[in-house]
N, C-alpha and C. Protein backbone atom coordinates (compact mmCIF):
# COMPACT_ATOMS: atom_id res chain seq x y z
N UNK A 1 -14.08 -23.08 19.55
CA UNK A 1 -12.98 -22.17 19.86
C UNK A 1 -12.47 -21.56 18.56
N UNK A 2 -12.24 -20.30 18.58
CA UNK A 2 -11.80 -19.56 17.39
C UNK A 2 -10.32 -19.73 17.15
N UNK A 3 -9.94 -19.72 15.88
CA UNK A 3 -8.52 -19.74 15.53
C UNK A 3 -7.92 -18.36 15.57
N UNK A 4 -8.73 -17.36 15.84
CA UNK A 4 -8.22 -16.00 15.96
C UNK A 4 -7.68 -15.80 17.35
N UNK A 5 -6.70 -14.98 17.43
CA UNK A 5 -6.14 -14.65 18.73
C UNK A 5 -5.17 -13.52 18.52
N UNK A 6 -4.23 -13.42 19.41
CA UNK A 6 -3.24 -12.36 19.28
C UNK A 6 -2.44 -12.53 18.00
N UNK A 7 -2.39 -13.76 17.49
CA UNK A 7 -1.61 -14.02 16.29
C UNK A 7 -2.37 -13.88 15.00
N UNK A 8 -3.64 -13.45 15.02
CA UNK A 8 -4.38 -13.29 13.77
C UNK A 8 -5.01 -14.59 13.34
N UNK A 9 -5.38 -14.68 12.08
CA UNK A 9 -6.02 -15.86 11.54
C UNK A 9 -5.08 -17.06 11.55
N UNK A 10 -5.56 -18.15 12.08
CA UNK A 10 -4.84 -19.42 12.06
C UNK A 10 -3.41 -19.30 12.57
N UNK A 11 -3.21 -18.46 13.55
CA UNK A 11 -1.91 -18.34 14.18
C UNK A 11 -0.91 -17.51 13.41
N UNK A 12 -1.29 -16.97 12.27
CA UNK A 12 -0.38 -16.15 11.48
C UNK A 12 -0.30 -14.76 12.09
N UNK A 13 0.91 -14.26 12.27
CA UNK A 13 1.08 -12.96 12.90
C UNK A 13 0.93 -11.85 11.89
N UNK A 14 0.36 -10.71 12.33
CA UNK A 14 0.27 -9.57 11.42
C UNK A 14 1.66 -9.09 11.02
N UNK A 15 1.76 -8.38 9.88
CA UNK A 15 3.07 -7.94 9.37
C UNK A 15 3.87 -7.14 10.40
N UNK A 16 3.20 -6.29 11.18
CA UNK A 16 3.96 -5.47 12.12
C UNK A 16 4.61 -6.31 13.21
N UNK A 17 4.00 -7.49 13.55
CA UNK A 17 4.63 -8.36 14.54
C UNK A 17 5.81 -9.11 13.93
N UNK A 18 5.71 -9.44 12.64
CA UNK A 18 6.78 -10.18 11.97
C UNK A 18 7.98 -9.29 11.67
N UNK A 19 7.73 -8.04 11.26
CA UNK A 19 8.82 -7.17 10.85
C UNK A 19 9.08 -6.04 11.83
N UNK A 20 8.18 -5.83 12.76
CA UNK A 20 8.30 -4.69 13.65
C UNK A 20 7.79 -3.41 13.00
N UNK A 21 7.29 -3.51 11.78
CA UNK A 21 6.79 -2.34 11.04
C UNK A 21 5.33 -2.55 10.68
N UNK A 22 4.52 -1.50 10.81
CA UNK A 22 3.14 -1.60 10.32
C UNK A 22 3.14 -1.73 8.79
N UNK A 23 2.10 -2.34 8.27
CA UNK A 23 2.00 -2.57 6.84
C UNK A 23 2.10 -1.25 6.06
N UNK A 24 1.47 -0.19 6.57
CA UNK A 24 1.55 1.11 5.88
C UNK A 24 2.98 1.61 5.78
N UNK A 25 3.77 1.41 6.84
CA UNK A 25 5.18 1.84 6.83
C UNK A 25 5.98 1.03 5.81
N UNK A 26 5.69 -0.27 5.72
CA UNK A 26 6.38 -1.13 4.74
C UNK A 26 6.09 -0.63 3.33
N UNK A 27 4.82 -0.38 3.04
CA UNK A 27 4.45 0.09 1.70
C UNK A 27 5.04 1.47 1.43
N UNK A 28 5.08 2.32 2.44
CA UNK A 28 5.66 3.64 2.26
C UNK A 28 7.16 3.53 1.97
N UNK A 29 7.85 2.66 2.69
CA UNK A 29 9.29 2.46 2.43
C UNK A 29 9.52 1.96 1.01
N UNK A 30 8.68 1.04 0.57
CA UNK A 30 8.87 0.42 -0.74
C UNK A 30 8.34 1.29 -1.88
N UNK A 31 7.66 2.39 -1.55
CA UNK A 31 7.08 3.23 -2.61
C UNK A 31 8.14 4.06 -3.34
N UNK A 32 9.31 4.21 -2.75
CA UNK A 32 10.35 5.02 -3.38
C UNK A 32 11.32 4.12 -4.15
N UNK A 33 11.55 4.45 -5.41
CA UNK A 33 12.39 3.58 -6.24
C UNK A 33 13.84 3.52 -5.74
N UNK A 34 14.37 4.58 -5.17
CA UNK A 34 15.75 4.53 -4.69
C UNK A 34 15.89 3.57 -3.52
N UNK A 35 14.88 3.48 -2.68
CA UNK A 35 14.94 2.52 -1.58
C UNK A 35 14.80 1.09 -2.11
N UNK A 36 13.90 0.90 -3.08
CA UNK A 36 13.77 -0.43 -3.69
C UNK A 36 15.06 -0.83 -4.38
N UNK A 37 15.67 0.11 -5.12
CA UNK A 37 16.93 -0.18 -5.80
C UNK A 37 18.02 -0.53 -4.79
N UNK A 38 18.04 0.20 -3.68
CA UNK A 38 19.03 -0.07 -2.63
C UNK A 38 18.88 -1.49 -2.11
N UNK A 39 17.67 -1.87 -1.78
CA UNK A 39 17.42 -3.22 -1.26
C UNK A 39 17.79 -4.26 -2.32
N UNK A 40 17.39 -4.01 -3.56
CA UNK A 40 17.69 -4.95 -4.64
C UNK A 40 19.20 -5.15 -4.81
N UNK A 41 19.94 -4.06 -4.85
CA UNK A 41 21.39 -4.16 -5.04
C UNK A 41 22.04 -4.87 -3.85
N UNK A 42 21.62 -4.55 -2.66
CA UNK A 42 22.19 -5.19 -1.47
C UNK A 42 21.84 -6.67 -1.41
N UNK A 43 20.64 -7.05 -1.88
CA UNK A 43 20.26 -8.47 -1.90
C UNK A 43 21.15 -9.25 -2.87
N UNK A 44 21.58 -8.60 -3.94
CA UNK A 44 22.43 -9.28 -4.91
C UNK A 44 23.88 -9.38 -4.44
N UNK A 45 24.27 -8.53 -3.51
CA UNK A 45 25.66 -8.53 -3.01
C UNK A 45 25.82 -9.63 -1.96
N UNK A 46 27.04 -10.10 -1.81
CA UNK A 46 27.31 -11.14 -0.82
C UNK A 46 27.52 -10.58 0.58
N UNK A 47 27.80 -9.32 0.67
CA UNK A 47 28.07 -8.71 1.97
C UNK A 47 27.81 -7.22 1.90
N UNK A 48 28.50 -6.47 2.74
CA UNK A 48 28.31 -5.02 2.74
C UNK A 48 28.67 -4.40 1.38
N UNK A 49 27.98 -3.31 1.06
CA UNK A 49 28.19 -2.59 -0.19
C UNK A 49 28.62 -1.18 0.17
N UNK A 50 29.62 -0.68 -0.53
CA UNK A 50 30.04 0.70 -0.24
C UNK A 50 28.98 1.65 -0.78
N UNK A 51 28.82 2.77 -0.09
CA UNK A 51 27.84 3.77 -0.52
C UNK A 51 28.13 4.25 -1.93
N UNK A 52 29.39 4.43 -2.26
CA UNK A 52 29.72 4.92 -3.61
C UNK A 52 29.32 3.90 -4.68
N UNK A 53 29.57 2.61 -4.44
CA UNK A 53 29.16 1.58 -5.40
C UNK A 53 27.64 1.51 -5.51
N UNK A 54 26.98 1.62 -4.36
CA UNK A 54 25.52 1.59 -4.34
C UNK A 54 24.96 2.78 -5.13
N UNK A 55 25.50 3.97 -4.88
CA UNK A 55 25.02 5.17 -5.57
C UNK A 55 25.22 5.05 -7.08
N UNK A 56 26.35 4.50 -7.50
CA UNK A 56 26.60 4.32 -8.93
C UNK A 56 25.56 3.38 -9.56
N UNK A 57 25.31 2.26 -8.88
CA UNK A 57 24.37 1.29 -9.44
C UNK A 57 22.95 1.86 -9.47
N UNK A 58 22.55 2.52 -8.40
CA UNK A 58 21.21 3.12 -8.36
C UNK A 58 21.07 4.18 -9.46
N UNK A 59 22.08 5.02 -9.63
CA UNK A 59 22.06 6.04 -10.67
C UNK A 59 22.00 5.39 -12.07
N UNK A 60 22.73 4.32 -12.26
CA UNK A 60 22.72 3.62 -13.55
C UNK A 60 21.33 3.07 -13.85
N UNK A 61 20.68 2.45 -12.85
CA UNK A 61 19.33 1.94 -13.07
C UNK A 61 18.35 3.08 -13.33
N UNK A 62 18.50 4.15 -12.57
CA UNK A 62 17.61 5.31 -12.74
C UNK A 62 17.71 5.91 -14.13
N UNK A 63 18.92 6.08 -14.60
CA UNK A 63 19.16 6.75 -15.88
C UNK A 63 19.16 5.78 -17.06
N UNK A 64 19.02 4.48 -16.76
CA UNK A 64 19.05 3.44 -17.78
C UNK A 64 20.34 3.53 -18.60
N UNK A 65 21.45 3.62 -17.85
CA UNK A 65 22.78 3.70 -18.46
C UNK A 65 23.68 2.67 -17.79
N UNK A 66 24.83 2.44 -18.39
CA UNK A 66 25.83 1.63 -17.70
C UNK A 66 26.55 2.56 -16.71
N UNK A 67 27.21 1.98 -15.75
CA UNK A 67 27.92 2.77 -14.74
C UNK A 67 28.99 3.64 -15.40
N UNK A 68 29.66 3.11 -16.42
CA UNK A 68 30.72 3.88 -17.07
C UNK A 68 30.18 5.10 -17.84
N UNK A 69 28.91 5.09 -18.19
CA UNK A 69 28.31 6.21 -18.93
C UNK A 69 27.82 7.33 -18.02
N UNK A 70 27.81 7.10 -16.72
CA UNK A 70 27.30 8.11 -15.78
C UNK A 70 28.25 9.28 -15.64
N UNK A 71 27.67 10.47 -15.50
CA UNK A 71 28.46 11.65 -15.22
C UNK A 71 28.61 11.83 -13.71
N UNK A 72 29.55 12.63 -13.30
CA UNK A 72 29.79 12.83 -11.87
C UNK A 72 28.60 13.49 -11.18
N UNK A 73 27.89 14.37 -11.86
CA UNK A 73 26.72 15.02 -11.27
C UNK A 73 25.62 14.00 -10.99
N UNK A 74 25.43 13.05 -11.91
CA UNK A 74 24.41 12.01 -11.72
C UNK A 74 24.75 11.14 -10.52
N UNK A 75 26.03 10.80 -10.38
CA UNK A 75 26.47 9.97 -9.24
C UNK A 75 26.29 10.74 -7.93
N UNK A 76 26.72 12.00 -7.95
CA UNK A 76 26.68 12.81 -6.73
C UNK A 76 25.26 13.05 -6.23
N UNK A 77 24.33 13.30 -7.15
CA UNK A 77 22.93 13.51 -6.77
C UNK A 77 22.37 12.30 -6.05
N UNK A 78 22.60 11.13 -6.61
CA UNK A 78 22.09 9.90 -5.99
C UNK A 78 22.82 9.62 -4.68
N UNK A 79 24.13 9.80 -4.66
CA UNK A 79 24.93 9.58 -3.47
C UNK A 79 24.39 10.43 -2.30
N UNK A 80 24.18 11.71 -2.58
CA UNK A 80 23.70 12.63 -1.54
C UNK A 80 22.30 12.24 -1.07
N UNK A 81 21.44 11.91 -2.01
CA UNK A 81 20.07 11.51 -1.68
C UNK A 81 20.05 10.25 -0.82
N UNK A 82 20.86 9.27 -1.19
CA UNK A 82 20.93 8.04 -0.40
C UNK A 82 21.48 8.33 1.00
N UNK A 83 22.56 9.07 1.05
CA UNK A 83 23.23 9.35 2.32
C UNK A 83 22.35 10.16 3.27
N UNK A 84 21.67 11.17 2.76
CA UNK A 84 20.93 12.07 3.63
C UNK A 84 19.48 11.66 3.88
N UNK A 85 18.88 10.94 2.96
CA UNK A 85 17.45 10.64 3.08
C UNK A 85 17.14 9.15 3.19
N UNK A 86 17.52 8.39 2.17
CA UNK A 86 17.03 7.02 2.05
C UNK A 86 17.70 6.03 2.99
N UNK A 87 19.00 6.09 3.12
CA UNK A 87 19.67 5.15 4.03
C UNK A 87 19.28 5.39 5.49
N UNK A 88 19.23 6.65 5.95
CA UNK A 88 18.75 6.85 7.33
C UNK A 88 17.33 6.33 7.54
N UNK A 89 16.48 6.50 6.55
CA UNK A 89 15.10 6.01 6.67
C UNK A 89 15.06 4.49 6.73
N UNK A 90 15.83 3.82 5.86
CA UNK A 90 15.89 2.36 5.88
C UNK A 90 16.54 1.85 7.17
N UNK A 91 17.50 2.59 7.67
CA UNK A 91 18.17 2.19 8.92
C UNK A 91 17.22 2.33 10.11
N UNK A 92 16.48 3.42 10.18
CA UNK A 92 15.50 3.60 11.26
C UNK A 92 14.45 2.49 11.26
N UNK A 93 14.11 2.02 10.06
CA UNK A 93 13.13 0.94 9.93
C UNK A 93 13.73 -0.42 10.22
N UNK A 94 15.06 -0.47 10.39
CA UNK A 94 15.72 -1.74 10.68
C UNK A 94 15.97 -2.61 9.47
N UNK A 95 15.91 -2.03 8.28
CA UNK A 95 16.10 -2.78 7.04
C UNK A 95 17.57 -2.89 6.67
N UNK A 96 18.34 -1.83 6.92
CA UNK A 96 19.78 -1.84 6.61
C UNK A 96 20.55 -1.31 7.81
N UNK A 97 21.84 -1.62 7.79
CA UNK A 97 22.77 -0.93 8.69
C UNK A 97 23.67 -0.10 7.79
N UNK A 98 24.01 1.09 8.26
CA UNK A 98 24.86 1.99 7.48
C UNK A 98 25.92 2.54 8.41
N UNK A 99 27.15 2.01 8.24
CA UNK A 99 28.27 2.43 9.07
C UNK A 99 29.53 2.54 8.22
N UNK A 100 30.32 3.55 8.52
CA UNK A 100 31.62 3.73 7.85
C UNK A 100 31.52 3.65 6.34
N UNK A 101 30.45 4.22 5.78
CA UNK A 101 30.31 4.25 4.33
C UNK A 101 29.90 2.94 3.71
N UNK A 102 29.46 1.97 4.53
CA UNK A 102 29.04 0.68 4.00
C UNK A 102 27.59 0.39 4.39
N UNK A 103 26.88 -0.20 3.46
CA UNK A 103 25.47 -0.53 3.64
C UNK A 103 25.32 -2.04 3.61
N UNK A 104 24.54 -2.55 4.57
CA UNK A 104 24.30 -3.99 4.62
C UNK A 104 22.87 -4.24 5.06
N UNK A 105 22.24 -5.23 4.45
CA UNK A 105 20.87 -5.58 4.83
C UNK A 105 20.87 -6.27 6.18
N UNK A 106 19.78 -6.11 6.91
CA UNK A 106 19.59 -6.84 8.16
C UNK A 106 18.71 -8.05 7.89
N UNK A 107 18.50 -8.86 8.90
CA UNK A 107 17.62 -10.02 8.76
C UNK A 107 16.17 -9.61 8.57
N UNK A 108 15.82 -8.38 8.92
CA UNK A 108 14.46 -7.89 8.73
C UNK A 108 14.04 -7.95 7.27
N UNK A 109 14.99 -7.82 6.37
CA UNK A 109 14.68 -7.78 4.95
C UNK A 109 14.03 -9.08 4.49
N UNK A 110 14.45 -10.20 5.06
CA UNK A 110 13.85 -11.49 4.67
C UNK A 110 12.35 -11.49 4.94
N UNK A 111 11.94 -10.80 5.97
CA UNK A 111 10.52 -10.75 6.32
C UNK A 111 9.73 -9.85 5.39
N UNK A 112 10.42 -9.03 4.61
CA UNK A 112 9.75 -8.16 3.65
C UNK A 112 9.54 -8.84 2.30
N UNK A 113 10.10 -10.04 2.12
CA UNK A 113 10.06 -10.68 0.82
C UNK A 113 8.65 -10.80 0.25
N UNK A 114 7.67 -11.03 1.09
CA UNK A 114 6.30 -11.16 0.59
C UNK A 114 5.83 -9.86 -0.07
N UNK A 115 6.37 -8.73 0.37
CA UNK A 115 5.99 -7.45 -0.20
C UNK A 115 6.82 -7.11 -1.43
N UNK A 116 7.86 -7.88 -1.70
CA UNK A 116 8.76 -7.58 -2.80
C UNK A 116 8.56 -8.51 -4.00
N UNK A 117 7.62 -9.45 -3.91
CA UNK A 117 7.38 -10.33 -5.04
C UNK A 117 6.86 -9.52 -6.22
N UNK A 118 7.31 -9.86 -7.39
CA UNK A 118 6.95 -9.14 -8.59
C UNK A 118 5.94 -9.96 -9.37
N UNK A 119 4.87 -9.33 -9.80
CA UNK A 119 3.88 -9.98 -10.65
C UNK A 119 4.05 -9.41 -12.04
N UNK A 120 4.46 -10.25 -13.00
CA UNK A 120 4.68 -9.76 -14.35
C UNK A 120 3.40 -9.20 -14.97
N UNK A 121 3.58 -8.21 -15.87
CA UNK A 121 2.43 -7.66 -16.58
C UNK A 121 1.76 -8.75 -17.40
N UNK A 122 0.48 -8.56 -17.67
CA UNK A 122 -0.32 -9.46 -18.50
C UNK A 122 -0.40 -10.88 -17.95
N UNK A 123 -0.17 -11.06 -16.66
CA UNK A 123 -0.32 -12.39 -16.10
C UNK A 123 -1.62 -12.47 -15.31
N UNK A 124 -2.16 -13.65 -15.26
CA UNK A 124 -3.38 -13.89 -14.49
C UNK A 124 -2.97 -14.09 -13.04
N UNK A 125 -3.63 -13.42 -12.10
CA UNK A 125 -3.30 -13.66 -10.69
C UNK A 125 -3.50 -15.15 -10.35
N UNK A 126 -2.61 -15.67 -9.55
CA UNK A 126 -2.66 -17.10 -9.25
C UNK A 126 -3.96 -17.50 -8.57
N UNK A 127 -4.52 -16.64 -7.74
CA UNK A 127 -5.80 -16.94 -7.09
C UNK A 127 -6.89 -17.17 -8.12
N UNK A 128 -6.93 -16.34 -9.15
CA UNK A 128 -7.93 -16.47 -10.21
C UNK A 128 -7.67 -17.75 -11.02
N UNK A 129 -6.41 -18.04 -11.28
CA UNK A 129 -6.05 -19.25 -12.02
C UNK A 129 -6.53 -20.51 -11.28
N UNK A 130 -6.23 -20.57 -9.98
CA UNK A 130 -6.63 -21.75 -9.20
C UNK A 130 -8.15 -21.83 -9.04
N UNK A 131 -8.81 -20.69 -8.97
CA UNK A 131 -10.27 -20.69 -8.92
C UNK A 131 -10.84 -21.29 -10.20
N UNK A 132 -10.28 -20.89 -11.35
CA UNK A 132 -10.72 -21.46 -12.62
C UNK A 132 -10.45 -22.95 -12.72
N UNK A 133 -9.27 -23.36 -12.26
CA UNK A 133 -8.93 -24.79 -12.27
C UNK A 133 -9.87 -25.57 -11.35
N UNK A 134 -10.20 -25.00 -10.22
CA UNK A 134 -11.14 -25.64 -9.29
C UNK A 134 -12.52 -25.76 -9.92
N UNK A 135 -12.96 -24.70 -10.61
CA UNK A 135 -14.26 -24.72 -11.28
C UNK A 135 -14.30 -25.82 -12.33
N UNK A 136 -13.26 -25.93 -13.14
CA UNK A 136 -13.21 -27.00 -14.15
C UNK A 136 -13.21 -28.38 -13.50
N UNK A 137 -12.51 -28.50 -12.39
CA UNK A 137 -12.48 -29.78 -11.67
C UNK A 137 -13.87 -30.14 -11.15
N UNK A 138 -14.58 -29.13 -10.63
CA UNK A 138 -15.95 -29.37 -10.17
C UNK A 138 -16.85 -29.81 -11.31
N UNK A 139 -16.68 -29.20 -12.48
CA UNK A 139 -17.47 -29.60 -13.65
C UNK A 139 -17.21 -31.06 -14.02
N UNK A 140 -15.96 -31.48 -13.93
CA UNK A 140 -15.62 -32.87 -14.23
C UNK A 140 -16.29 -33.80 -13.23
N UNK A 141 -16.22 -33.46 -11.95
CA UNK A 141 -16.83 -34.30 -10.90
C UNK A 141 -18.35 -34.36 -11.09
N UNK A 142 -18.97 -33.22 -11.35
CA UNK A 142 -20.43 -33.19 -11.58
C UNK A 142 -20.75 -34.02 -12.82
N UNK A 143 -19.93 -33.90 -13.87
CA UNK A 143 -20.13 -34.69 -15.07
C UNK A 143 -20.05 -36.19 -14.79
N UNK A 144 -19.15 -36.59 -13.89
CA UNK A 144 -19.06 -38.01 -13.52
C UNK A 144 -20.29 -38.44 -12.73
N UNK A 145 -20.74 -37.62 -11.81
CA UNK A 145 -21.93 -37.96 -11.01
C UNK A 145 -23.17 -38.11 -11.89
N UNK A 146 -23.26 -37.24 -12.87
CA UNK A 146 -24.45 -37.23 -13.72
C UNK A 146 -24.30 -38.17 -14.92
N UNK A 147 -23.23 -38.93 -14.97
CA UNK A 147 -22.95 -39.86 -16.07
C UNK A 147 -22.95 -39.17 -17.43
N UNK A 148 -22.48 -37.91 -17.47
CA UNK A 148 -22.37 -37.17 -18.73
C UNK A 148 -21.05 -37.50 -19.41
N UNK A 149 -20.01 -37.73 -18.61
CA UNK A 149 -18.69 -38.06 -19.16
C UNK A 149 -18.61 -39.56 -19.42
N UNK A 150 -17.94 -39.93 -20.50
CA UNK A 150 -17.82 -41.36 -20.80
C UNK A 150 -16.97 -42.08 -19.76
N UNK A 151 -17.49 -43.15 -19.21
CA UNK A 151 -16.74 -43.94 -18.24
C UNK A 151 -16.55 -45.38 -18.71
N UNK A 152 -17.19 -45.75 -19.79
CA UNK A 152 -17.07 -47.13 -20.29
C UNK A 152 -15.69 -47.37 -20.88
N UNK A 153 -15.29 -46.54 -21.83
CA UNK A 153 -14.01 -46.72 -22.51
C UNK A 153 -12.87 -46.14 -21.69
N UNK A 154 -13.18 -45.20 -20.80
CA UNK A 154 -12.16 -44.55 -19.98
C UNK A 154 -12.38 -44.94 -18.52
N UNK A 155 -11.36 -45.50 -17.88
CA UNK A 155 -11.54 -45.85 -16.46
C UNK A 155 -11.88 -44.60 -15.63
N UNK A 156 -12.74 -44.78 -14.64
CA UNK A 156 -13.24 -43.67 -13.82
C UNK A 156 -12.11 -42.92 -13.12
N UNK A 157 -11.06 -43.61 -12.73
CA UNK A 157 -9.97 -42.96 -12.00
C UNK A 157 -9.11 -42.06 -12.88
N UNK A 158 -9.28 -42.12 -14.18
CA UNK A 158 -8.52 -41.25 -15.06
C UNK A 158 -8.87 -39.78 -14.82
N UNK A 159 -10.14 -39.48 -14.61
CA UNK A 159 -10.57 -38.10 -14.41
C UNK A 159 -9.97 -37.47 -13.15
N UNK A 160 -10.10 -38.13 -11.97
CA UNK A 160 -9.45 -37.53 -10.79
C UNK A 160 -7.93 -37.45 -10.93
N UNK A 161 -7.34 -38.40 -11.64
CA UNK A 161 -5.90 -38.37 -11.86
C UNK A 161 -5.51 -37.14 -12.68
N UNK A 162 -6.29 -36.84 -13.69
CA UNK A 162 -6.02 -35.66 -14.52
C UNK A 162 -6.16 -34.39 -13.68
N UNK A 163 -7.18 -34.34 -12.83
CA UNK A 163 -7.39 -33.18 -11.96
C UNK A 163 -6.20 -32.99 -11.03
N UNK A 164 -5.79 -34.07 -10.38
CA UNK A 164 -4.66 -33.99 -9.44
C UNK A 164 -3.39 -33.61 -10.19
N UNK A 165 -3.19 -34.16 -11.37
CA UNK A 165 -2.00 -33.83 -12.17
C UNK A 165 -2.01 -32.34 -12.56
N UNK A 166 -3.18 -31.83 -12.93
CA UNK A 166 -3.29 -30.41 -13.30
C UNK A 166 -2.92 -29.51 -12.12
N UNK A 167 -3.42 -29.84 -10.93
CA UNK A 167 -3.08 -29.05 -9.75
C UNK A 167 -1.60 -29.18 -9.39
N UNK A 168 -1.05 -30.37 -9.52
CA UNK A 168 0.36 -30.60 -9.18
C UNK A 168 1.27 -29.83 -10.14
N UNK A 169 1.01 -29.94 -11.43
CA UNK A 169 1.82 -29.22 -12.42
C UNK A 169 1.67 -27.71 -12.22
N UNK A 170 0.45 -27.25 -11.97
CA UNK A 170 0.23 -25.81 -11.73
C UNK A 170 0.97 -25.32 -10.50
N UNK A 171 0.89 -26.09 -9.42
CA UNK A 171 1.57 -25.68 -8.18
C UNK A 171 3.08 -25.67 -8.37
N UNK A 172 3.62 -26.67 -9.09
CA UNK A 172 5.06 -26.70 -9.33
C UNK A 172 5.49 -25.50 -10.17
N UNK A 173 4.73 -25.19 -11.21
CA UNK A 173 5.05 -24.03 -12.05
C UNK A 173 4.93 -22.74 -11.24
N UNK A 174 3.91 -22.65 -10.42
CA UNK A 174 3.70 -21.48 -9.56
C UNK A 174 4.90 -21.27 -8.65
N UNK A 175 5.38 -22.33 -8.02
CA UNK A 175 6.54 -22.22 -7.13
C UNK A 175 7.78 -21.77 -7.90
N UNK A 176 8.02 -22.32 -9.08
CA UNK A 176 9.18 -21.92 -9.89
C UNK A 176 9.05 -20.48 -10.36
N UNK A 177 7.86 -20.09 -10.79
CA UNK A 177 7.65 -18.71 -11.25
C UNK A 177 7.87 -17.73 -10.11
N UNK A 178 7.38 -18.07 -8.93
CA UNK A 178 7.59 -17.19 -7.78
C UNK A 178 9.06 -17.02 -7.47
N UNK A 179 9.82 -18.09 -7.57
CA UNK A 179 11.26 -18.01 -7.31
C UNK A 179 11.93 -17.14 -8.36
N UNK A 180 11.54 -17.31 -9.62
CA UNK A 180 12.14 -16.55 -10.72
C UNK A 180 11.84 -15.07 -10.59
N UNK A 181 10.64 -14.74 -10.14
CA UNK A 181 10.24 -13.33 -10.06
C UNK A 181 10.45 -12.73 -8.68
N UNK A 182 11.24 -13.37 -7.85
CA UNK A 182 11.57 -12.76 -6.56
C UNK A 182 12.39 -11.52 -6.83
N UNK A 183 12.22 -10.54 -6.01
CA UNK A 183 12.83 -9.23 -6.18
C UNK A 183 14.34 -9.33 -6.42
N UNK A 184 15.03 -10.12 -5.62
CA UNK A 184 16.48 -10.19 -5.74
C UNK A 184 16.95 -11.00 -6.94
N UNK A 185 16.07 -11.75 -7.59
CA UNK A 185 16.47 -12.55 -8.73
C UNK A 185 16.35 -11.82 -10.06
N UNK A 186 15.77 -10.64 -10.05
CA UNK A 186 15.66 -9.86 -11.29
C UNK A 186 16.99 -9.16 -11.56
N UNK A 187 17.33 -9.01 -12.82
CA UNK A 187 18.56 -8.29 -13.16
C UNK A 187 18.48 -6.83 -12.75
N UNK A 188 17.33 -6.22 -13.04
CA UNK A 188 17.12 -4.83 -12.68
C UNK A 188 15.84 -4.73 -11.87
N UNK A 189 15.85 -3.92 -10.82
CA UNK A 189 14.63 -3.79 -10.02
C UNK A 189 13.56 -3.00 -10.75
N UNK A 190 12.33 -3.19 -10.30
CA UNK A 190 11.21 -2.44 -10.89
C UNK A 190 10.89 -1.23 -10.05
């Protein structure tokens, strides 16, 4: 019996079933920096955010200035763009609610987190890292089978212990790094 079904591989649902949005729509929504900035700022807030505060923060990130350094034209341009284009688009997608000049994220945003993870520049993808670690582990096991590795002075269980420790430390670091690089944990969005 196959593990495929209406829920996809191993019971995992496709993104459109989890978020109500097709994957292409999610990527299209996230392709615009003002929408990403909006989500980022709202994730950092404890509750609803006023449109004027949101526009100021988005303009500040865009212009790489502090809010106090912004001119009124810079604020107004972003305010108008958010009000007329980006917030209605995010609201139609079910990502935010926008009422009475206040913006608030919906629960749908939590389901987008997998698409908002940030991978720092110059980092090795975790899949490649674990593949390399697995390859080295296989070399150690083959070395033990072929009696290439010393086992007289070193107890045989030391090698598997080192392998397990390497995977455990790597997985723990991976989990911490993922938490640190979550979209809402960055000071400024990308």
